[in-house]
Amino acid sequence: MQDVCAIIESTGAIPYTAQAAQRQADLAIEALNPLPDSASKEALYGLAEFSVSRSY
């Protein structure tokens, strides 16, 4: 398993994927901007933020 982790880390796939996820979350948040404020909008905003901030 350590060999597999080392290979994945050596490719730069983890930072690349994290950056791609952040870009998608930013796009999702931007898409929410025109919507009126509501509990649903806040929930979707929170989901976008959570999806890129979690570390597990």
PDB file of N, CA and C in Angstrom:
ATOM      1  N   MET A   1       0.828  -1.185   0.000  1.00  0.00           N
ATOM      2  CA  MET A   1       0.000   0.000   0.000  1.00  0.00           C
ATOM      3  C   MET A   1       0.877   1.256   0.000  1.00  0.00           C
ATOM      4  N   GLN A   2       1.986   1.202   0.700  1.00  0.00           N
ATOM      5  CA  GLN A   2       2.885   2.361   0.718  1.00  0.00           C
ATOM      6  C   GLN A   2       3.416   2.671  -0.667  1.00  0.00           C
ATOM      7  N   ASP A   3       3.681   1.623  -1.442  1.00  0.00           N
ATOM      8  CA  ASP A   3       4.166   1.830  -2.811  1.00  0.00           C
ATOM      9  C   ASP A   3       3.115   2.529  -3.657  1.00  0.00           C
ATOM     10  N   VAL A   4       1.884   2.121  -3.501  1.00  0.00           N
ATOM     11  CA  VAL A   4       0.795   2.735  -4.259  1.00  0.00           C
ATOM     12  C   VAL A   4       0.657   4.208  -3.877  1.00  0.00           C
ATOM     13  N   CYS A   5       0.688   4.495  -2.593  1.00  0.00           N
ATOM     14  CA  CYS A   5       0.593   5.885  -2.130  1.00  0.00           C
ATOM     15  C   CYS A   5       1.755   6.718  -2.661  1.00  0.00           C
ATOM     16  N   ALA A   6       2.939   6.156  -2.660  1.00  0.00           N
ATOM     17  CA  ALA A   6       4.111   6.882  -3.153  1.00  0.00           C
ATOM     18  C   ALA A   6       3.972   7.187  -4.642  1.00  0.00           C
ATOM     19  N   ILE A   7       3.466   6.245  -5.402  1.00  0.00           N
ATOM     20  CA  ILE A   7       3.281   6.467  -6.839  1.00  0.00           C
ATOM     21  C   ILE A   7       2.256   7.566  -7.071  1.00  0.00           C
ATOM     22  N   ILE A   8       1.149   7.504  -6.359  1.00  0.00           N
ATOM     23  CA  ILE A   8       0.108   8.523  -6.515  1.00  0.00           C
ATOM     24  C   ILE A   8       0.664   9.897  -6.155  1.00  0.00           C
ATOM     25  N   GLU A   9       1.376   9.985  -5.054  1.00  0.00           N
ATOM     26  CA  GLU A   9       1.955  11.269  -4.638  1.00  0.00           C
ATOM     27  C   GLU A   9       2.975  11.784  -5.651  1.00  0.00           C
ATOM     28  N   SER A  10       3.717  10.894  -6.270  1.00  0.00           N
ATOM     29  CA  SER A  10       4.759  11.320  -7.212  1.00  0.00           C
ATOM     30  C   SER A  10       4.170  11.892  -8.503  1.00  0.00           C
ATOM     31  N   THR A  11       2.933  11.570  -8.807  1.00  0.00           N
ATOM     32  CA  THR A  11       2.326  12.055 -10.047  1.00  0.00           C
ATOM     33  C   THR A  11       1.743  13.454  -9.919  1.00  0.00           C
ATOM     34  N   GLY A  12       1.567  13.923  -8.698  1.00  0.00           N
ATOM     35  CA  GLY A  12       0.934  15.220  -8.494  1.00  0.00           C
ATOM     36  C   GLY A  12      -0.577  15.167  -8.642  1.00  0.00           C
ATOM     37  N   ALA A  13      -1.136  13.965  -8.649  1.00  0.00           N
ATOM     38  CA  ALA A  13      -2.575  13.796  -8.853  1.00  0.00           C
ATOM     39  C   ALA A  13      -3.406  14.388  -7.715  1.00  0.00           C
ATOM     40  N   ILE A  14      -2.902  14.322  -6.515  1.00  0.00           N
ATOM     41  CA  ILE A  14      -3.693  14.810  -5.379  1.00  0.00           C
ATOM     42  C   ILE A  14      -3.846  16.333  -5.431  1.00  0.00           C
ATOM     43  N   PRO A  15      -2.774  17.106  -5.574  1.00  0.00           N
ATOM     44  CA  PRO A  15      -2.958  18.555  -5.688  1.00  0.00           C
ATOM     45  C   PRO A  15      -3.763  18.955  -6.931  1.00  0.00           C
ATOM     46  N   TYR A  16      -3.537  18.250  -8.039  1.00  0.00           N
ATOM     47  CA  TYR A  16      -4.284  18.543  -9.260  1.00  0.00           C
ATOM     48  C   TYR A  16      -5.779  18.346  -9.037  1.00  0.00           C
ATOM     49  N   THR A  17      -6.128  17.238  -8.408  1.00  0.00           N
ATOM     50  CA  THR A  17      -7.532  16.932  -8.153  1.00  0.00           C
ATOM     51  C   THR A  17      -8.136  17.930  -7.168  1.00  0.00           C
ATOM     52  N   ALA A  18      -7.383  18.314  -6.161  1.00  0.00           N
ATOM     53  CA  ALA A  18      -7.874  19.300  -5.192  1.00  0.00           C
ATOM     54  C   ALA A  18      -8.135  20.640  -5.878  1.00  0.00           C
ATOM     55  N   GLN A  19      -7.252  21.036  -6.778  1.00  0.00           N
ATOM     56  CA  GLN A  19      -7.447  22.295  -7.507  1.00  0.00           C
ATOM     57  C   GLN A  19      -8.651  22.213  -8.435  1.00  0.00           C
ATOM     58  N   ALA A  20      -8.815  21.073  -9.096  1.00  0.00           N
ATOM     59  CA  ALA A  20      -9.973  20.897  -9.983  1.00  0.00           C
ATOM     60  C   ALA A  20     -11.270  20.935  -9.181  1.00  0.00           C
ATOM     61  N   ALA A  21     -11.269  20.309  -8.024  1.00  0.00           N
ATOM     62  CA  ALA A  21     -12.456  20.326  -7.168  1.00  0.00           C
ATOM     63  C   ALA A  21     -12.763  21.744  -6.691  1.00  0.00           C
ATOM     64  N   GLN A  22     -11.730  22.498  -6.360  1.00  0.00           N
ATOM     65  CA  GLN A  22     -11.934  23.878  -5.917  1.00  0.00           C
ATOM     66  C   GLN A  22     -12.520  24.722  -7.040  1.00  0.00           C
ATOM     67  N   ARG A  23     -12.022  24.535  -8.248  1.00  0.00           N
ATOM     68  CA  ARG A  23     -12.567  25.281  -9.387  1.00  0.00           C
ATOM     69  C   ARG A  23     -14.055  24.964  -9.585  1.00  0.00           C
ATOM     70  N   GLN A  24     -14.407  23.704  -9.463  1.00  0.00           N
ATOM     71  CA  GLN A  24     -15.806  23.315  -9.634  1.00  0.00           C
ATOM     72  C   GLN A  24     -16.675  23.880  -8.507  1.00  0.00           C
ATOM     73  N   ALA A  25     -16.165  23.869  -7.289  1.00  0.00           N
ATOM     74  CA  ALA A  25     -16.908  24.450  -6.165  1.00  0.00           C
ATOM     75  C   ALA A  25     -17.089  25.948  -6.368  1.00  0.00           C
ATOM     76  N   ASP A  26     -16.053  26.620  -6.859  1.00  0.00           N
ATOM     77  CA  ASP A  26     -16.155  28.056  -7.137  1.00  0.00           C
ATOM     78  C   ASP A  26     -17.218  28.333  -8.198  1.00  0.00           C
ATOM     79  N   LEU A  27     -17.252  27.497  -9.231  1.00  0.00           N
ATOM     80  CA  LEU A  27     -18.274  27.650 -10.272  1.00  0.00           C
ATOM     81  C   LEU A  27     -19.676  27.426  -9.708  1.00  0.00           C
ATOM     82  N   ALA A  28     -19.805  26.438  -8.843  1.00  0.00           N
ATOM     83  CA  ALA A  28     -21.109  26.161  -8.233  1.00  0.00           C
ATOM     84  C   ALA A  28     -21.563  27.339  -7.383  1.00  0.00           C
ATOM     85  N   ILE A  29     -20.648  27.887  -6.606  1.00  0.00           N
ATOM     86  CA  ILE A  29     -20.980  29.036  -5.761  1.00  0.00           C
ATOM     87  C   ILE A  29     -21.346  30.238  -6.626  1.00  0.00           C
ATOM     88  N   GLU A  30     -20.611  30.435  -7.695  1.00  0.00           N
ATOM     89  CA  GLU A  30     -20.916  31.534  -8.601  1.00  0.00           C
ATOM     90  C   GLU A  30     -22.312  31.370  -9.211  1.00  0.00           C
ATOM     91  N   ALA A  31     -22.673  30.148  -9.524  1.00  0.00           N
ATOM     92  CA  ALA A  31     -23.991  29.880 -10.101  1.00  0.00           C
ATOM     93  C   ALA A  31     -25.113  30.163  -9.104  1.00  0.00           C
ATOM     94  N   LEU A  32     -24.792  30.084  -7.817  1.00  0.00           N
ATOM     95  CA  LEU A  32     -25.797  30.356  -6.783  1.00  0.00           C
ATOM     96  C   LEU A  32     -26.037  31.851  -6.582  1.00  0.00           C
ATOM     97  N   ASN A  33     -25.088  32.678  -6.960  1.00  0.00           N
ATOM     98  CA  ASN A  33     -25.179  34.115  -6.676  1.00  0.00           C
ATOM     99  C   ASN A  33     -26.466  34.773  -7.138  1.00  0.00           C
ATOM    100  N   PRO A  34     -26.985  34.476  -8.338  1.00  0.00           N
ATOM    101  CA  PRO A  34     -28.201  35.164  -8.774  1.00  0.00           C
ATOM    102  C   PRO A  34     -29.470  34.738  -8.021  1.00  0.00           C
ATOM    103  N   LEU A  35     -29.402  33.624  -7.337  1.00  0.00           N
ATOM    104  CA  LEU A  35     -30.587  33.130  -6.628  1.00  0.00           C
ATOM    105  C   LEU A  35     -30.871  33.985  -5.397  1.00  0.00           C
ATOM    106  N   PRO A  36     -32.149  34.119  -5.048  1.00  0.00           N
ATOM    107  CA  PRO A  36     -32.469  34.862  -3.829  1.00  0.00           C
ATOM    108  C   PRO A  36     -31.949  34.121  -2.597  1.00  0.00           C
ATOM    109  N   ASP A  37     -31.614  34.870  -1.574  1.00  0.00           N
ATOM    110  CA  ASP A  37     -31.148  34.258  -0.333  1.00  0.00           C
ATOM    111  C   ASP A  37     -32.245  33.357   0.232  1.00  0.00           C
ATOM    112  N   SER A  38     -31.813  32.188   0.664  1.00  0.00           N
ATOM    113  CA  SER A  38     -32.757  31.233   1.247  1.00  0.00           C
ATOM    114  C   SER A  38     -31.958  30.182   2.005  1.00  0.00           C
ATOM    115  N   ALA A  39     -32.656  29.386   2.775  1.00  0.00           N
ATOM    116  CA  ALA A  39     -32.004  28.297   3.500  1.00  0.00           C
ATOM    117  C   ALA A  39     -31.421  27.285   2.512  1.00  0.00           C
ATOM    118  N   SER A  40     -32.119  27.061   1.412  1.00  0.00           N
ATOM    119  CA  SER A  40     -31.631  26.113   0.403  1.00  0.00           C
ATOM    120  C   SER A  40     -30.340  26.608  -0.233  1.00  0.00           C
ATOM    121  N   LYS A  41     -30.285  27.886  -0.551  1.00  0.00           N
ATOM    122  CA  LYS A  41     -29.077  28.469  -1.141  1.00  0.00           C
ATOM    123  C   LYS A  41     -27.917  28.348  -0.165  1.00  0.00           C
ATOM    124  N   GLU A  42     -28.160  28.635   1.088  1.00  0.00           N
ATOM    125  CA  GLU A  42     -27.103  28.520   2.096  1.00  0.00           C
ATOM    126  C   GLU A  42     -26.632  27.076   2.243  1.00  0.00           C
ATOM    127  N   ALA A  43     -27.570  26.130   2.156  1.00  0.00           N
ATOM    128  CA  ALA A  43     -27.206  24.715   2.261  1.00  0.00           C
ATOM    129  C   ALA A  43     -26.325  24.303   1.089  1.00  0.00           C
ATOM    130  N   LEU A  44     -26.677  24.736  -0.108  1.00  0.00           N
ATOM    131  CA  LEU A  44     -25.873  24.406  -1.285  1.00  0.00           C
ATOM    132  C   LEU A  44     -24.502  25.069  -1.225  1.00  0.00           C
ATOM    133  N   TYR A  45     -24.460  26.296  -0.752  1.00  0.00           N
ATOM    134  CA  TYR A  45     -23.185  26.990  -0.574  1.00  0.00           C
ATOM    135  C   TYR A  45     -22.315  26.215   0.425  1.00  0.00           C
ATOM    136  N   GLY A  46     -22.917  25.820   1.533  1.00  0.00           N
ATOM    137  CA  GLY A  46     -22.183  25.061   2.542  1.00  0.00           C
ATOM    138  C   GLY A  46     -21.687  23.728   2.014  1.00  0.00           C
ATOM    139  N   LEU A  47     -22.493  23.077   1.193  1.00  0.00           N
ATOM    140  CA  LEU A  47     -22.094  21.803   0.615  1.00  0.00           C
ATOM    141  C   LEU A  47     -20.890  21.975  -0.311  1.00  0.00           C
ATOM    142  N   ALA A  48     -20.914  23.029  -1.122  1.00  0.00           N
ATOM    143  CA  ALA A  48     -19.781  23.291  -2.016  1.00  0.00           C
ATOM    144  C   ALA A  48     -18.508  23.545  -1.215  1.00  0.00           C
ATOM    145  N   GLU A  49     -18.617  24.342  -0.173  1.00  0.00           N
ATOM    146  CA  GLU A  49     -17.450  24.636   0.668  1.00  0.00           C
ATOM    147  C   GLU A  49     -16.958  23.381   1.391  1.00  0.00           C
ATOM    148  N   PHE A  50     -17.893  22.610   1.944  1.00  0.00           N
ATOM    149  CA  PHE A  50     -17.518  21.396   2.679  1.00  0.00           C
ATOM    150  C   PHE A  50     -16.814  20.396   1.769  1.00  0.00           C
ATOM    151  N   SER A  51     -17.312  20.280   0.547  1.00  0.00           N
ATOM    152  CA  SER A  51     -16.766  19.252  -0.345  1.00  0.00           C
ATOM    153  C   SER A  51     -15.302  19.475  -0.676  1.00  0.00           C
ATOM    154  N   VAL A  52     -14.822  20.696  -0.598  1.00  0.00           N
ATOM    155  CA  VAL A  52     -13.410  20.951  -0.895  1.00  0.00           C
ATOM    156  C   VAL A  52     -12.573  21.215   0.355  1.00  0.00           C
ATOM    157  N   SER A  53     -13.223  21.342   1.501  1.00  0.00           N
ATOM    158  CA  SER A  53     -12.451  21.621   2.718  1.00  0.00           C
ATOM    159  C   SER A  53     -12.214  20.379   3.576  1.00  0.00           C
ATOM    160  N   ARG A  54     -12.939  19.313   3.292  1.00  0.00           N
ATOM    161  CA  ARG A  54     -12.770  18.119   4.124  1.00  0.00           C
ATOM    162  C   ARG A  54     -11.414  17.485   3.865  1.00  0.00           C
ATOM    163  N   SER A  55     -10.902  16.798   4.843  1.00  0.00           N
ATOM    164  CA  SER A  55      -9.552  16.223   4.707  1.00  0.00           C
ATOM    165  C   SER A  55      -9.555  14.707   4.866  1.00  0.00           C
ATOM    166  N   TYR A  56     -10.668  14.076   4.634  1.00  0.00           N
ATOM    167  CA  TYR A  56     -10.730  12.607   4.711  1.00  0.00           C
ATOM    168  C   TYR A  56     -11.362  12.025   3.484  1.00  0.00           C
TER     169      TYR A  56
END
